[in-house]
Amino acid sequence: QVQLIESGGGLVQAGGSLRLSCAASGRPFSRSLMAWFRQAPGKEREFVCGVTWGGSWAYCTDSVRGRFTISRDNSKNTVYLQMSSLKPEDAAVYYCAADSRSPSIVVAGKNLELWGQGTLVTVSS
């Protein structure tokens, strides 16, 4: 049974940085696309960033592009989200997801194959 386990969330001041990690336990997950989503209170879950196995596609949504970077270490079955210049509107529960299909499916965020339990990011102003 493969699980995605997020870590690295916490409280940070606006303008600060955090790095989230998502480790896949169980069988190797290196061929899957990996992505980060977030959900703020009262809002729908939204796509943040995604990356293919080899990194040929690495994409972040407009609201975080230039501030967030997604990367992965396949030898560690881990994907990272480096977040910089954090804003209060970035506060949310951040979820890691994995899917073996396509970037467009991942970005849509519907019925993805595997989700983590989430990690909370709080940004104080």
PDB file of N, CA and C in Angstrom:
ATOM      1  N   GLN A   1       0.846  -1.186   0.000  1.00  0.00           N
ATOM      2  CA  GLN A   1       0.000   0.000   0.000  1.00  0.00           C
ATOM      3  C   GLN A   1       0.883   1.238   0.000  1.00  0.00           C
ATOM      4  N   VAL A   2       0.764   2.042  -1.038  1.00  0.00           N
ATOM      5  CA  VAL A   2       1.562   3.259  -1.133  1.00  0.00           C
ATOM      6  C   VAL A   2       0.859   4.373  -0.391  1.00  0.00           C
ATOM      7  N   GLN A   3       1.624   5.131   0.348  1.00  0.00           N
ATOM      8  CA  GLN A   3       1.095   6.304   1.044  1.00  0.00           C
ATOM      9  C   GLN A   3       1.957   7.511   0.719  1.00  0.00           C
ATOM     10  N   LEU A   4       1.322   8.673   0.702  1.00  0.00           N
ATOM     11  CA  LEU A   4       2.030   9.939   0.562  1.00  0.00           C
ATOM     12  C   LEU A   4       1.975  10.645   1.902  1.00  0.00           C
ATOM     13  N   ILE A   5       3.132  11.026   2.389  1.00  0.00           N
ATOM     14  CA  ILE A   5       3.202  11.635   3.710  1.00  0.00           C
ATOM     15  C   ILE A   5       3.856  13.004   3.576  1.00  0.00           C
ATOM     16  N   GLU A   6       3.066  14.054   3.833  1.00  0.00           N
ATOM     17  CA  GLU A   6       3.579  15.418   3.743  1.00  0.00           C
ATOM     18  C   GLU A   6       4.186  15.858   5.072  1.00  0.00           C
ATOM     19  N   SER A   7       5.126  16.763   4.991  1.00  0.00           N
ATOM     20  CA  SER A   7       5.714  17.364   6.178  1.00  0.00           C
ATOM     21  C   SER A   7       6.242  18.743   5.814  1.00  0.00           C
ATOM     22  N   GLY A   8       6.574  19.517   6.836  1.00  0.00           N
ATOM     23  CA  GLY A   8       7.197  20.815   6.603  1.00  0.00           C
ATOM     24  C   GLY A   8       6.288  22.003   6.789  1.00  0.00           C
ATOM     25  N   GLY A   9       5.021  21.758   7.008  1.00  0.00           N
ATOM     26  CA  GLY A   9       4.116  22.873   7.232  1.00  0.00           C
ATOM     27  C   GLY A   9       4.383  23.532   8.568  1.00  0.00           C
ATOM     28  N   GLY A  10       3.798  24.713   8.754  1.00  0.00           N
ATOM     29  CA  GLY A  10       3.973  25.417  10.003  1.00  0.00           C
ATOM     30  C   GLY A  10       3.562  26.861   9.881  1.00  0.00           C
ATOM     31  N   LEU A  11       3.968  27.632  10.873  1.00  0.00           N
ATOM     32  CA  LEU A  11       3.652  29.052  10.922  1.00  0.00           C
ATOM     33  C   LEU A  11       4.857  29.849  10.439  1.00  0.00           C
ATOM     34  N   VAL A  12       4.607  30.783   9.541  1.00  0.00           N
ATOM     35  CA  VAL A  12       5.681  31.621   9.022  1.00  0.00           C
ATOM     36  C   VAL A  12       5.143  33.030   8.837  1.00  0.00           C
ATOM     37  N   GLN A  13       6.022  33.990   8.975  1.00  0.00           N
ATOM     38  CA  GLN A  13       5.614  35.374   8.740  1.00  0.00           C
ATOM     39  C   GLN A  13       5.549  35.665   7.250  1.00  0.00           C
ATOM     40  N   ALA A  14       4.715  36.613   6.907  1.00  0.00           N
ATOM     41  CA  ALA A  14       4.640  37.029   5.509  1.00  0.00           C
ATOM     42  C   ALA A  14       6.035  37.439   5.029  1.00  0.00           C
ATOM     43  N   GLY A  15       6.360  37.001   3.831  1.00  0.00           N
ATOM     44  CA  GLY A  15       7.682  37.256   3.283  1.00  0.00           C
ATOM     45  C   GLY A  15       8.677  36.147   3.554  1.00  0.00           C
ATOM     46  N   GLY A  16       8.299  35.234   4.416  1.00  0.00           N
ATOM     47  CA  GLY A  16       9.191  34.150   4.772  1.00  0.00           C
ATOM     48  C   GLY A  16       9.116  32.983   3.808  1.00  0.00           C
ATOM     49  N   SER A  17       9.815  31.905   4.172  1.00  0.00           N
ATOM     50  CA  SER A  17       9.914  30.726   3.309  1.00  0.00           C
ATOM     51  C   SER A  17       9.633  29.457   4.100  1.00  0.00           C
ATOM     52  N   LEU A  18       9.165  28.463   3.379  1.00  0.00           N
ATOM     53  CA  LEU A  18       8.982  27.122   3.921  1.00  0.00           C
ATOM     54  C   LEU A  18       9.264  26.128   2.810  1.00  0.00           C
ATOM     55  N   ARG A  19       9.693  24.952   3.196  1.00  0.00           N
ATOM     56  CA  ARG A  19       9.827  23.868   2.231  1.00  0.00           C
ATOM     57  C   ARG A  19       8.991  22.699   2.696  1.00  0.00           C
ATOM     58  N   LEU A  20       8.060  22.327   1.855  1.00  0.00           N
ATOM     59  CA  LEU A  20       7.236  21.156   2.122  1.00  0.00           C
ATOM     60  C   LEU A  20       7.851  19.940   1.458  1.00  0.00           C
ATOM     61  N   SER A  21       7.692  18.804   2.103  1.00  0.00           N
ATOM     62  CA  SER A  21       8.156  17.537   1.548  1.00  0.00           C
ATOM     63  C   SER A  21       6.995  16.566   1.483  1.00  0.00           C
ATOM     64  N   CYS A  22       7.052  15.702   0.502  1.00  0.00           N
ATOM     65  CA  CYS A  22       6.056  14.640   0.363  1.00  0.00           C
ATOM     66  C   CYS A  22       6.810  13.365   0.037  1.00  0.00           C
ATOM     67  N   ALA A  23       6.780  12.441   0.953  1.00  0.00           N
ATOM     68  CA  ALA A  23       7.484  11.183   0.779  1.00  0.00           C
ATOM     69  C   ALA A  23       6.488  10.075   0.475  1.00  0.00           C
ATOM     70  N   ALA A  24       6.803   9.294  -0.536  1.00  0.00           N
ATOM     71  CA  ALA A  24       5.960   8.156  -0.896  1.00  0.00           C
ATOM     72  C   ALA A  24       6.527   6.912  -0.239  1.00  0.00           C
ATOM     73  N   SER A  25       5.725   6.292   0.588  1.00  0.00           N
ATOM     74  CA  SER A  25       6.152   5.059   1.230  1.00  0.00           C
ATOM     75  C   SER A  25       5.555   3.875   0.478  1.00  0.00           C
ATOM     76  N   GLY A  26       6.112   2.740   0.661  1.00  0.00           N
ATOM     77  CA  GLY A  26       5.625   1.570  -0.046  1.00  0.00           C
ATOM     78  C   GLY A  26       6.428   1.333  -1.307  1.00  0.00           C
ATOM     79  N   ARG A  27       5.783   0.942  -2.344  1.00  0.00           N
ATOM     80  CA  ARG A  27       6.504   0.619  -3.565  1.00  0.00           C
ATOM     81  C   ARG A  27       7.035   1.892  -4.217  1.00  0.00           C
ATOM     82  N   PRO A  28       8.082   1.795  -5.027  1.00  0.00           N
ATOM     83  CA  PRO A  28       8.634   2.977  -5.691  1.00  0.00           C
ATOM     84  C   PRO A  28       7.597   3.680  -6.543  1.00  0.00           C
ATOM     85  N   PHE A  29       7.614   4.980  -6.534  1.00  0.00           N
ATOM     86  CA  PHE A  29       6.594   5.780  -7.207  1.00  0.00           C
ATOM     87  C   PHE A  29       7.217   6.682  -8.245  1.00  0.00           C
ATOM     88  N   SER A  30       8.354   6.297  -8.737  1.00  0.00           N
ATOM     89  CA  SER A  30       9.147   7.239  -9.514  1.00  0.00           C
ATOM     90  C   SER A  30       8.543   7.571 -10.865  1.00  0.00           C
ATOM     91  N   ARG A  31       7.641   6.754 -11.422  1.00  0.00           N
ATOM     92  CA  ARG A  31       7.111   7.045 -12.744  1.00  0.00           C
ATOM     93  C   ARG A  31       5.895   7.947 -12.729  1.00  0.00           C
ATOM     94  N   SER A  32       5.441   8.318 -11.563  1.00  0.00           N
ATOM     95  CA  SER A  32       4.221   9.108 -11.469  1.00  0.00           C
ATOM     96  C   SER A  32       4.493  10.596 -11.560  1.00  0.00           C
ATOM     97  N   LEU A  33       3.513  11.306 -12.082  1.00  0.00           N
ATOM     98  CA  LEU A  33       3.515  12.749 -11.909  1.00  0.00           C
ATOM     99  C   LEU A  33       3.205  13.022 -10.443  1.00  0.00           C
ATOM    100  N   MET A  34       3.799  14.079  -9.940  1.00  0.00           N
ATOM    101  CA  MET A  34       3.547  14.488  -8.578  1.00  0.00           C
ATOM    102  C   MET A  34       3.095  15.947  -8.578  1.00  0.00           C
ATOM    103  N   ALA A  35       2.274  16.289  -7.625  1.00  0.00           N
ATOM    104  CA  ALA A  35       1.751  17.652  -7.608  1.00  0.00           C
ATOM    105  C   ALA A  35       1.414  18.068  -6.193  1.00  0.00           C
ATOM    106  N   TRP A  36       1.338  19.369  -6.034  1.00  0.00           N
ATOM    107  CA  TRP A  36       0.875  19.974  -4.792  1.00  0.00           C
ATOM    108  C   TRP A  36      -0.418  20.735  -5.066  1.00  0.00           C
ATOM    109  N   PHE A  37      -1.338  20.577  -4.149  1.00  0.00           N
ATOM    110  CA  PHE A  37      -2.586  21.321  -4.152  1.00  0.00           C
ATOM    111  C   PHE A  37      -2.720  22.021  -2.804  1.00  0.00           C
ATOM    112  N   ARG A  38      -3.651  22.943  -2.724  1.00  0.00           N
ATOM    113  CA  ARG A  38      -3.918  23.573  -1.437  1.00  0.00           C
ATOM    114  C   ARG A  38      -5.403  23.893  -1.313  1.00  0.00           C
ATOM    115  N   GLN A  39      -5.827  23.950  -0.075  1.00  0.00           N
ATOM    116  CA  GLN A  39      -7.215  24.289   0.194  1.00  0.00           C
ATOM    117  C   GLN A  39      -7.269  25.201   1.407  1.00  0.00           C
ATOM    118  N   ALA A  40      -7.744  26.415   1.180  1.00  0.00           N
ATOM    119  CA  ALA A  40      -7.932  27.373   2.256  1.00  0.00           C
ATOM    120  C   ALA A  40      -9.343  27.221   2.807  1.00  0.00           C
ATOM    121  N   PRO A  41      -9.577  27.657   4.032  1.00  0.00           N
ATOM    122  CA  PRO A  41     -10.919  27.541   4.617  1.00  0.00           C
ATOM    123  C   PRO A  41     -11.966  28.217   3.747  1.00  0.00           C
ATOM    124  N   GLY A  42     -13.037  27.487   3.482  1.00  0.00           N
ATOM    125  CA  GLY A  42     -14.130  28.030   2.698  1.00  0.00           C
ATOM    126  C   GLY A  42     -13.887  28.084   1.213  1.00  0.00           C
ATOM    127  N   LYS A  43     -12.763  27.563   0.768  1.00  0.00           N
ATOM    128  CA  LYS A  43     -12.446  27.587  -0.659  1.00  0.00           C
ATOM    129  C   LYS A  43     -12.252  26.181  -1.189  1.00  0.00           C
ATOM    130  N   GLU A  44     -12.350  26.073  -2.498  1.00  0.00           N
ATOM    131  CA  GLU A  44     -12.113  24.782  -3.124  1.00  0.00           C
ATOM    132  C   GLU A  44     -10.620  24.482  -3.179  1.00  0.00           C
ATOM    133  N   ARG A  45     -10.319  23.212  -3.239  1.00  0.00           N
ATOM    134  CA  ARG A  45      -8.933  22.820  -3.396  1.00  0.00           C
ATOM    135  C   ARG A  45      -8.442  23.263  -4.775  1.00  0.00           C
ATOM    136  N   GLU A  46      -7.232  23.778  -4.827  1.00  0.00           N
ATOM    137  CA  GLU A  46      -6.689  24.264  -6.092  1.00  0.00           C
ATOM    138  C   GLU A  46      -5.292  23.697  -6.343  1.00  0.00           C
ATOM    139  N   PHE A  47      -5.005  23.546  -7.599  1.00  0.00           N
ATOM    140  CA  PHE A  47      -3.682  23.098  -8.039  1.00  0.00           C
ATOM    141  C   PHE A  47      -2.666  24.187  -7.750  1.00  0.00           C
ATOM    142  N   VAL A  48      -1.479  23.765  -7.289  1.00  0.00           N
ATOM    143  CA  VAL A  48      -0.399  24.721  -7.031  1.00  0.00           C
ATOM    144  C   VAL A  48       0.754  24.506  -8.010  1.00  0.00           C
ATOM    145  N   CYS A  49       1.362  23.331  -7.952  1.00  0.00           N
ATOM    146  CA  CYS A  49       2.482  23.014  -8.823  1.00  0.00           C
ATOM    147  C   CYS A  49       2.497  21.529  -9.115  1.00  0.00           C
ATOM    148  N   GLY A  50       3.038  21.152 -10.275  1.00  0.00           N
ATOM    149  CA  GLY A  50       3.170  19.755 -10.627  1.00  0.00           C
ATOM    150  C   GLY A  50       4.466  19.499 -11.365  1.00  0.00           C
ATOM    151  N   VAL A  51       4.890  18.234 -11.370  1.00  0.00           N
ATOM    152  CA  VAL A  51       6.148  17.875 -12.025  1.00  0.00           C
ATOM    153  C   VAL A  51       6.060  16.439 -12.521  1.00  0.00           C
ATOM    154  N   THR A  52       6.638  16.195 -13.690  1.00  0.00           N
ATOM    155  CA  THR A  52       6.706  14.836 -14.211  1.00  0.00           C
ATOM    156  C   THR A  52       7.885  14.098 -13.588  1.00  0.00           C
ATOM    157  N   TRP A  53       7.953  12.810 -13.887  1.00  0.00           N
ATOM    158  CA  TRP A  53       9.006  11.975 -13.304  1.00  0.00           C
ATOM    159  C   TRP A  53      10.398  12.522 -13.589  1.00  0.00           C
ATOM    160  N   GLY A  54      10.653  12.867 -14.835  1.00  0.00           N
ATOM    161  CA  GLY A  54      11.981  13.328 -15.218  1.00  0.00           C
ATOM    162  C   GLY A  54      12.159  14.828 -15.121  1.00  0.00           C
ATOM    163  N   GLY A  55      11.097  15.521 -14.756  1.00  0.00           N
ATOM    164  CA  GLY A  55      11.199  16.968 -14.615  1.00  0.00           C
ATOM    165  C   GLY A  55      11.047  17.741 -15.899  1.00  0.00           C
ATOM    166  N   SER A  56      10.686  17.059 -17.008  1.00  0.00           N
ATOM    167  CA  SER A  56      10.541  17.780 -18.278  1.00  0.00           C
ATOM    168  C   SER A  56       9.371  18.746 -18.238  1.00  0.00           C
ATOM    169  N   TRP A  57       8.410  18.442 -17.434  1.00  0.00           N
ATOM    170  CA  TRP A  57       7.288  19.348 -17.206  1.00  0.00           C
ATOM    171  C   TRP A  57       7.266  19.684 -15.735  1.00  0.00           C
ATOM    172  N   ALA A  58       7.427  20.946 -15.427  1.00  0.00           N
ATOM    173  CA  ALA A  58       7.309  21.445 -14.067  1.00  0.00           C
ATOM    174  C   ALA A  58       6.561  22.763 -14.178  1.00  0.00           C
ATOM    175  N   TYR A  59       5.409  22.810 -13.571  1.00  0.00           N
ATOM    176  CA  TYR A  59       4.498  23.931 -13.811  1.00  0.00           C
ATOM    177  C   TYR A  59       3.846  24.356 -12.514  1.00  0.00           C
ATOM    178  N   CYS A  60       3.765  25.664 -12.331  1.00  0.00           N
ATOM    179  CA  CYS A  60       3.073  26.218 -11.168  1.00  0.00           C
ATOM    180  C   CYS A  60       2.011  27.207 -11.630  1.00  0.00           C
ATOM    181  N   THR A  61       0.951  27.269 -10.891  1.00  0.00           N
ATOM    182  CA  THR A  61      -0.135  28.167 -11.232  1.00  0.00           C
ATOM    183  C   THR A  61       0.315  29.624 -11.119  1.00  0.00           C
ATOM    184  N   ASP A  62      -0.396  30.497 -11.800  1.00  0.00           N
ATOM    185  CA  ASP A  62       0.025  31.896 -11.900  1.00  0.00           C
ATOM    186  C   ASP A  62       0.247  32.565 -10.548  1.00  0.00           C
ATOM    187  N   SER A  63      -0.594  32.275  -9.595  1.00  0.00           N
ATOM    188  CA  SER A  63      -0.544  32.989  -8.322  1.00  0.00           C
ATOM    189  C   SER A  63       0.710  32.696  -7.504  1.00  0.00           C
ATOM    190  N   VAL A  64       1.408  31.618  -7.834  1.00  0.00           N
ATOM    191  CA  VAL A  64       2.614  31.281  -7.067  1.00  0.00           C
ATOM    192  C   VAL A  64       3.864  31.241  -7.930  1.00  0.00           C
ATOM    193  N   ARG A  65       3.705  31.363  -9.228  1.00  0.00           N
ATOM    194  CA  ARG A  65       4.862  31.257 -10.121  1.00  0.00           C
ATOM    195  C   ARG A  65       5.871  32.362  -9.804  1.00  0.00           C
ATOM    196  N   GLY A  66       7.128  31.946  -9.733  1.00  0.00           N
ATOM    197  CA  GLY A  66       8.179  32.892  -9.369  1.00  0.00           C
ATOM    198  C   GLY A  66       8.449  32.917  -7.878  1.00  0.00           C
ATOM    199  N   ARG A  67       7.525  32.383  -7.098  1.00  0.00           N
ATOM    200  CA  ARG A  67       7.718  32.322  -5.640  1.00  0.00           C
ATOM    201  C   ARG A  67       7.852  30.877  -5.157  1.00  0.00           C
ATOM    202  N   PHE A  68       7.156  29.958  -5.803  1.00  0.00           N
ATOM    203  CA  PHE A  68       7.181  28.547  -5.421  1.00  0.00           C
ATOM    204  C   PHE A  68       7.936  27.744  -6.477  1.00  0.00           C
ATOM    205  N   THR A  69       8.616  26.717  -6.034  1.00  0.00           N
ATOM    206  CA  THR A  69       9.324  25.820  -6.939  1.00  0.00           C
ATOM    207  C   THR A  69       9.061  24.387  -6.522  1.00  0.00           C
ATOM    208  N   ILE A  70       8.707  23.560  -7.487  1.00  0.00           N
ATOM    209  CA  ILE A  70       8.518  22.141  -7.221  1.00  0.00           C
ATOM    210  C   ILE A  70       9.719  21.373  -7.737  1.00  0.00           C
ATOM    211  N   SER A  71      10.126  20.378  -6.980  1.00  0.00           N
ATOM    212  CA  SER A  71      11.228  19.523  -7.398  1.00  0.00           C
ATOM    213  C   SER A  71      10.999  18.138  -6.831  1.00  0.00           C
ATOM    214  N   ARG A  72      11.750  17.179  -7.328  1.00  0.00           N
ATOM    215  CA  ARG A  72      11.603  15.822  -6.821  1.00  0.00           C
ATOM    216  C   ARG A  72      12.947  15.120  -6.812  1.00  0.00           C
ATOM    217  N   ASP A  73      13.066  14.198  -5.890  1.00  0.00           N
ATOM    218  CA  ASP A  73      14.234  13.330  -5.795  1.00  0.00           C
ATOM    219  C   ASP A  73      13.708  11.908  -5.895  1.00  0.00           C
ATOM    220  N   ASN A  74      13.803  11.340  -7.078  1.00  0.00           N
ATOM    221  CA  ASN A  74      13.238  10.008  -7.288  1.00  0.00           C
ATOM    222  C   ASN A  74      13.965   8.937  -6.487  1.00  0.00           C
ATOM    223  N   SER A  75      15.219   9.150  -6.189  1.00  0.00           N
ATOM    224  CA  SER A  75      15.956   8.176  -5.380  1.00  0.00           C
ATOM    225  C   SER A  75      15.406   8.107  -3.956  1.00  0.00           C
ATOM    226  N   LYS A  76      14.746   9.181  -3.545  1.00  0.00           N
ATOM    227  CA  LYS A  76      14.152   9.220  -2.205  1.00  0.00           C
ATOM    228  C   LYS A  76      12.636   9.139  -2.239  1.00  0.00           C
ATOM    229  N   ASN A  77      12.076   8.962  -3.436  1.00  0.00           N
ATOM    230  CA  ASN A  77      10.609   8.939  -3.569  1.00  0.00           C
ATOM    231  C   ASN A  77       9.979  10.159  -2.896  1.00  0.00           C
ATOM    232  N   THR A  78      10.582  11.297  -3.104  1.00  0.00           N
ATOM    233  CA  THR A  78      10.139  12.504  -2.412  1.00  0.00           C
ATOM    234  C   THR A  78       9.997  13.665  -3.384  1.00  0.00           C
ATOM    235  N   VAL A  79       8.941  14.438  -3.204  1.00  0.00           N
ATOM    236  CA  VAL A  79       8.741  15.663  -3.963  1.00  0.00           C
ATOM    237  C   VAL A  79       8.720  16.827  -2.970  1.00  0.00           C
ATOM    238  N   TYR A  80       9.243  17.954  -3.410  1.00  0.00           N
ATOM    239  CA  TYR A  80       9.368  19.113  -2.542  1.00  0.00           C
ATOM    240  C   TYR A  80       8.601  20.304  -3.125  1.00  0.00           C
ATOM    241  N   LEU A  81       8.193  21.174  -2.247  1.00  0.00           N
ATOM    242  CA  LEU A  81       7.637  22.458  -2.666  1.00  0.00           C
ATOM    243  C   LEU A  81       8.353  23.538  -1.862  1.00  0.00           C
ATOM    244  N   GLN A  82       9.224  24.254  -2.540  1.00  0.00           N
ATOM    245  CA  GLN A  82       9.920  25.365  -1.912  1.00  0.00           C
ATOM    246  C   GLN A  82       9.071  26.612  -2.085  1.00  0.00           C
ATOM    247  N   MET A  83       8.677  27.195  -0.983  1.00  0.00           N
ATOM    248  CA  MET A  83       7.801  28.363  -1.013  1.00  0.00           C
ATOM    249  C   MET A  83       8.542  29.561  -0.450  1.00  0.00           C
ATOM    250  N   SER A  84       8.584  30.611  -1.216  1.00  0.00           N
ATOM    251  CA  SER A  84       9.269  31.824  -0.790  1.00  0.00           C
ATOM    252  C   SER A  84       8.324  33.014  -0.932  1.00  0.00           C
ATOM    253  N   SER A  85       8.706  34.115  -0.301  1.00  0.00           N
ATOM    254  CA  SER A  85       7.896  35.339  -0.346  1.00  0.00           C
ATOM    255  C   SER A  85       6.432  35.030  -0.039  1.00  0.00           C
ATOM    256  N   LEU A  86       6.229  34.292   1.008  1.00  0.00           N
ATOM    257  CA  LEU A  86       4.875  33.847   1.341  1.00  0.00           C
ATOM    258  C   LEU A  86       3.975  35.015   1.703  1.00  0.00           C
ATOM    259  N   LYS A  87       2.724  34.877   1.296  1.00  0.00           N
ATOM    260  CA  LYS A  87       1.714  35.886   1.544  1.00  0.00           C
ATOM    261  C   LYS A  87       0.616  35.286   2.417  1.00  0.00           C
ATOM    262  N   PRO A  88      -0.128  36.124   3.121  1.00  0.00           N
ATOM    263  CA  PRO A  88      -1.230  35.582   3.937  1.00  0.00           C
ATOM    264  C   PRO A  88      -2.206  34.741   3.106  1.00  0.00           C
ATOM    265  N   GLU A  89      -2.390  35.093   1.855  1.00  0.00           N
ATOM    266  CA  GLU A  89      -3.313  34.315   1.006  1.00  0.00           C
ATOM    267  C   GLU A  89      -2.761  32.951   0.611  1.00  0.00           C
ATOM    268  N   ASP A  90      -1.507  32.672   0.930  1.00  0.00           N
ATOM    269  CA  ASP A  90      -0.958  31.337   0.683  1.00  0.00           C
ATOM    270  C   ASP A  90      -1.306  30.364   1.807  1.00  0.00           C
ATOM    271  N   ALA A  91      -1.853  30.868   2.889  1.00  0.00           N
ATOM    272  CA  ALA A  91      -2.208  30.007   4.010  1.00  0.00           C
ATOM    273  C   ALA A  91      -3.272  29.007   3.591  1.00  0.00           C
ATOM    274  N   ALA A  92      -3.029  27.745   3.881  1.00  0.00           N
ATOM    275  CA  ALA A  92      -3.944  26.682   3.470  1.00  0.00           C
ATOM    276  C   ALA A  92      -3.407  25.354   3.985  1.00  0.00           C
ATOM    277  N   VAL A  93      -4.216  24.332   3.810  1.00  0.00           N
ATOM    278  CA  VAL A  93      -3.707  22.976   3.955  1.00  0.00           C
ATOM    279  C   VAL A  93      -3.166  22.571   2.593  1.00  0.00           C
ATOM    280  N   TYR A  94      -1.942  22.141   2.568  1.00  0.00           N
ATOM    281  CA  TYR A  94      -1.279  21.743   1.327  1.00  0.00           C
ATOM    282  C   TYR A  94      -1.276  20.221   1.238  1.00  0.00           C
ATOM    283  N   TYR A  95      -1.708  19.741   0.084  1.00  0.00           N
ATOM    284  CA  TYR A  95      -1.808  18.315  -0.170  1.00  0.00           C
ATOM    285  C   TYR A  95      -0.874  17.913  -1.305  1.00  0.00           C
ATOM    286  N   CYS A  96      -0.291  16.767  -1.137  1.00  0.00           N
ATOM    287  CA  CYS A  96       0.510  16.145  -2.177  1.00  0.00           C
ATOM    288  C   CYS A  96      -0.363  15.121  -2.903  1.00  0.00           C
ATOM    289  N   ALA A  97      -0.151  14.990  -4.199  1.00  0.00           N
ATOM    290  CA  ALA A  97      -0.902  14.014  -4.977  1.00  0.00           C
ATOM    291  C   ALA A  97       0.009  13.353  -5.996  1.00  0.00           C
ATOM    292  N   ALA A  98      -0.371  12.149  -6.386  1.00  0.00           N
ATOM    293  CA  ALA A  98       0.383  11.413  -7.394  1.00  0.00           C
ATOM    294  C   ALA A  98      -0.578  10.791  -8.392  1.00  0.00           C
ATOM    295  N   ASP A  99      -0.155  10.768  -9.640  1.00  0.00           N
ATOM    296  CA  ASP A  99      -0.986  10.175 -10.677  1.00  0.00           C
ATOM    297  C   ASP A  99      -0.086   9.752 -11.823  1.00  0.00           C
ATOM    298  N   SER A 100      -0.444   8.643 -12.455  1.00  0.00           N
ATOM    299  CA  SER A 100       0.401   8.098 -13.516  1.00  0.00           C
ATOM    300  C   SER A 100      -0.015   8.536 -14.911  1.00  0.00           C
ATOM    301  N   ARG A 101      -1.013   9.374 -15.032  1.00  0.00           N
ATOM    302  CA  ARG A 101      -1.583   9.664 -16.350  1.00  0.00           C
ATOM    303  C   ARG A 101      -0.943  10.866 -17.034  1.00  0.00           C
ATOM    304  N   SER A 102      -1.497  12.042 -16.961  1.00  0.00           N
ATOM    305  CA  SER A 102      -0.969  13.157 -17.753  1.00  0.00           C
ATOM    306  C   SER A 102      -0.987  14.449 -16.957  1.00  0.00           C
ATOM    307  N   PRO A 103      -0.161  15.426 -17.383  1.00  0.00           N
ATOM    308  CA  PRO A 103      -0.192  16.723 -16.699  1.00  0.00           C
ATOM    309  C   PRO A 103      -1.568  17.370 -16.686  1.00  0.00           C
ATOM    310  N   SER A 104      -2.308  17.258 -17.754  1.00  0.00           N
ATOM    311  CA  SER A 104      -3.621  17.905 -17.796  1.00  0.00           C
ATOM    312  C   SER A 104      -4.566  17.298 -16.766  1.00  0.00           C
ATOM    313  N   ILE A 105      -4.483  15.994 -16.592  1.00  0.00           N
ATOM    314  CA  ILE A 105      -5.314  15.346 -15.569  1.00  0.00           C
ATOM    315  C   ILE A 105      -4.884  15.795 -14.180  1.00  0.00           C
ATOM    316  N   VAL A 106      -3.598  15.885 -13.982  1.00  0.00           N
ATOM    317  CA  VAL A 106      -3.094  16.304 -12.674  1.00  0.00           C
ATOM    318  C   VAL A 106      -3.539  17.731 -12.372  1.00  0.00           C
ATOM    319  N   VAL A 107      -3.380  18.629 -13.320  1.00  0.00           N
ATOM    320  CA  VAL A 107      -3.768  20.018 -13.095  1.00  0.00           C
ATOM    321  C   VAL A 107      -5.256  20.124 -12.773  1.00  0.00           C
ATOM    322  N   ALA A 108      -6.060  19.327 -13.435  1.00  0.00           N
ATOM    323  CA  ALA A 108      -7.502  19.344 -13.167  1.00  0.00           C
ATOM    324  C   ALA A 108      -7.826  18.876 -11.757  1.00  0.00           C
ATOM    325  N   GLY A 109      -6.976  17.995 -11.224  1.00  0.00           N
ATOM    326  CA  GLY A 109      -7.111  17.602  -9.827  1.00  0.00           C
ATOM    327  C   GLY A 109      -8.299  16.733  -9.476  1.00  0.00           C
ATOM    328  N   LYS A 110      -8.915  16.116 -10.476  1.00  0.00           N
ATOM    329  CA  LYS A 110     -10.097  15.291 -10.206  1.00  0.00           C
ATOM    330  C   LYS A 110      -9.720  13.812 -10.219  1.00  0.00           C
ATOM    331  N   ASN A 111     -10.153  13.116  -9.177  1.00  0.00           N
ATOM    332  CA  ASN A 111      -9.984  11.662  -9.117  1.00  0.00           C
ATOM    333  C   ASN A 111      -8.536  11.230  -9.330  1.00  0.00           C
ATOM    334  N   LEU A 112      -7.622  11.958  -8.728  1.00  0.00           N
ATOM    335  CA  LEU A 112      -6.230  11.541  -8.824  1.00  0.00           C
ATOM    336  C   LEU A 112      -6.014  10.260  -8.032  1.00  0.00           C
ATOM    337  N   GLU A 113      -4.990   9.534  -8.421  1.00  0.00           N
ATOM    338  CA  GLU A 113      -4.810   8.175  -7.920  1.00  0.00           C
ATOM    339  C   GLU A 113      -4.462   8.124  -6.438  1.00  0.00           C
ATOM    340  N   LEU A 114      -3.734   9.082  -5.972  1.00  0.00           N
ATOM    341  CA  LEU A 114      -3.289   9.015  -4.587  1.00  0.00           C
ATOM    342  C   LEU A 114      -3.130  10.417  -4.016  1.00  0.00           C
ATOM    343  N   TRP A 115      -3.577  10.583  -2.783  1.00  0.00           N
ATOM    344  CA  TRP A 115      -3.478  11.856  -2.070  1.00  0.00           C
ATOM    345  C   TRP A 115      -2.820  11.648  -0.709  1.00  0.00           C
ATOM    346  N   GLY A 116      -2.106  12.680  -0.285  1.00  0.00           N
ATOM    347  CA  GLY A 116      -1.612  12.679   1.080  1.00  0.00           C
ATOM    348  C   GLY A 116      -2.653  13.236   2.032  1.00  0.00           C
ATOM    349  N   GLN A 117      -2.291  13.288   3.292  1.00  0.00           N
ATOM    350  CA  GLN A 117      -3.245  13.708   4.322  1.00  0.00           C
ATOM    351  C   GLN A 117      -3.241  15.217   4.528  1.00  0.00           C
ATOM    352  N   GLY A 118      -2.244  15.900   4.012  1.00  0.00           N
ATOM    353  CA  GLY A 118      -2.190  17.349   4.096  1.00  0.00           C
ATOM    354  C   GLY A 118      -1.289  17.853   5.205  1.00  0.00           C
ATOM    355  N   THR A 119      -0.761  19.037   4.988  1.00  0.00           N
ATOM    356  CA  THR A 119       0.038  19.710   6.005  1.00  0.00           C
ATOM    357  C   THR A 119      -0.371  21.182   6.009  1.00  0.00           C
ATOM    358  N   LEU A 120      -0.516  21.742   7.197  1.00  0.00           N
ATOM    359  CA  LEU A 120      -1.055  23.086   7.333  1.00  0.00           C
ATOM    360  C   LEU A 120       0.045  24.130   7.246  1.00  0.00           C
ATOM    361  N   VAL A 121      -0.191  25.123   6.418  1.00  0.00           N
ATOM    362  CA  VAL A 121       0.701  26.284   6.314  1.00  0.00           C
ATOM    363  C   VAL A 121      -0.076  27.512   6.760  1.00  0.00           C
ATOM    364  N   THR A 122       0.459  28.198   7.738  1.00  0.00           N
ATOM    365  CA  THR A 122      -0.149  29.417   8.257  1.00  0.00           C
ATOM    366  C   THR A 122       0.813  30.568   8.021  1.00  0.00           C
ATOM    367  N   VAL A 123       0.324  31.644   7.470  1.00  0.00           N
ATOM    368  CA  VAL A 123       1.157  32.810   7.170  1.00  0.00           C
ATOM    369  C   VAL A 123       0.599  34.002   7.929  1.00  0.00           C
ATOM    370  N   SER A 124       1.401  34.539   8.806  1.00  0.00           N
ATOM    371  CA  SER A 124       0.964  35.687   9.596  1.00  0.00           C
ATOM    372  C   SER A 124       1.379  36.983   8.900  1.00  0.00           C
ATOM    373  N   SER A 125       0.511  37.973   9.003  1.00  0.00           N
ATOM    374  CA  SER A 125       0.791  39.249   8.335  1.00  0.00           C
ATOM    375  C   SER A 125       1.513  40.211   9.260  1.00  0.00           C
TER     376      SER A 125
END
